[in-house]
Amino acid sequence: MFRRTMDGGNVLLDEQVSLSADTPVEVVIPDSCEELQVLRTDVVLASLPSLKCIWGNPRHAEYDKL
């Protein structure tokens, strides 16, 4: 998730992103700070299965000690 600002008509990302031409993107504009927090929580929860798959293996057991 990238932080962004508006300059009156354009969305400006706080960090550079390299995308090829015609890359589809989705922009979600929450109606409130509360909705933004719900969206962030949902993104984290949706990511958990893949994160467990990536990090839940013996090769990464050393990270569990941190």
Protein backbone atom coordinates (compact mmCIF):
# COMPACT_ATOMS: atom_id res chain seq x y z
CA MET A 1 0.00 0.00 0.00
CA PHE A 2 1.44 3.34 -0.99
CA ARG A 3 0.93 6.69 0.65
CA ARG A 4 -0.36 9.37 -1.66
CA THR A 5 -1.42 12.99 -1.87
CA MET A 6 -3.59 14.99 -4.24
CA ASP A 7 -2.35 18.01 -6.16
CA GLY A 8 -5.81 19.18 -7.17
CA GLY A 9 -6.42 16.60 -9.86
CA ASN A 10 -3.70 13.97 -9.81
CA VAL A 11 -2.75 11.30 -7.31
CA LEU A 12 0.94 11.64 -6.40
CA LEU A 13 2.58 8.57 -4.88
CA ASP A 14 5.11 9.27 -2.14
CA GLU A 15 7.48 6.73 -3.65
CA GLN A 16 8.22 5.85 -7.25
CA VAL A 17 6.52 2.79 -8.72
CA SER A 18 7.67 1.20 -11.95
CA LEU A 19 4.75 -0.15 -13.97
CA SER A 20 4.69 -1.22 -17.59
CA ALA A 21 2.28 0.39 -20.01
CA ASP A 22 -1.33 -0.76 -19.73
CA THR A 23 -0.82 -2.20 -16.24
CA PRO A 24 -4.24 -2.32 -14.59
CA VAL A 25 -4.44 -0.60 -11.22
CA GLU A 26 -7.24 -0.18 -8.73
CA VAL A 27 -7.69 2.98 -6.69
CA VAL A 28 -9.86 2.81 -3.58
CA ILE A 29 -10.94 6.05 -1.96
CA PRO A 30 -12.41 5.46 1.50
CA ASP A 31 -15.22 7.69 2.74
CA SER A 32 -13.71 8.09 6.22
CA CYS A 33 -10.69 7.36 8.39
CA GLU A 34 -12.62 4.47 9.92
CA GLU A 35 -13.23 2.92 6.49
CA LEU A 36 -9.53 3.36 5.67
CA GLN A 37 -8.60 1.42 8.81
CA VAL A 38 -11.04 -1.36 7.90
CA LEU A 39 -9.56 -1.58 4.39
CA ARG A 40 -6.02 -1.78 5.76
CA THR A 41 -7.03 -4.50 8.22
CA ASP A 42 -8.76 -6.46 5.45
CA VAL A 43 -5.64 -6.27 3.27
CA VAL A 44 -3.45 -7.60 6.07
CA LEU A 45 -5.88 -10.42 6.86
CA ALA A 46 -6.16 -11.37 3.19
CA SER A 47 -2.34 -11.56 3.01
CA LEU A 48 -1.92 -13.89 5.98
CA PRO A 49 -2.29 -17.23 4.12
CA SER A 50 0.40 -16.36 1.58
CA LEU A 51 2.68 -14.92 4.28
CA LYS A 52 2.32 -18.11 6.32
CA CYS A 53 3.20 -20.15 3.24
CA ILE A 54 6.27 -18.03 2.53
CA TRP A 55 7.53 -17.73 6.11
CA GLY A 56 6.10 -20.89 7.68
CA ASN A 57 8.86 -23.27 6.64
CA PRO A 58 12.01 -24.63 8.26
CA ARG A 59 14.35 -22.46 6.17
CA HIS A 60 12.94 -19.38 7.85
CA ALA A 61 12.80 -20.77 11.39
CA GLU A 62 15.55 -18.39 12.48
CA TYR A 63 13.19 -15.45 11.95
CA ASP A 64 10.78 -16.99 14.48
CA LYS A 65 13.40 -16.32 17.18
CA LEU A 66 13.44 -12.58 16.55
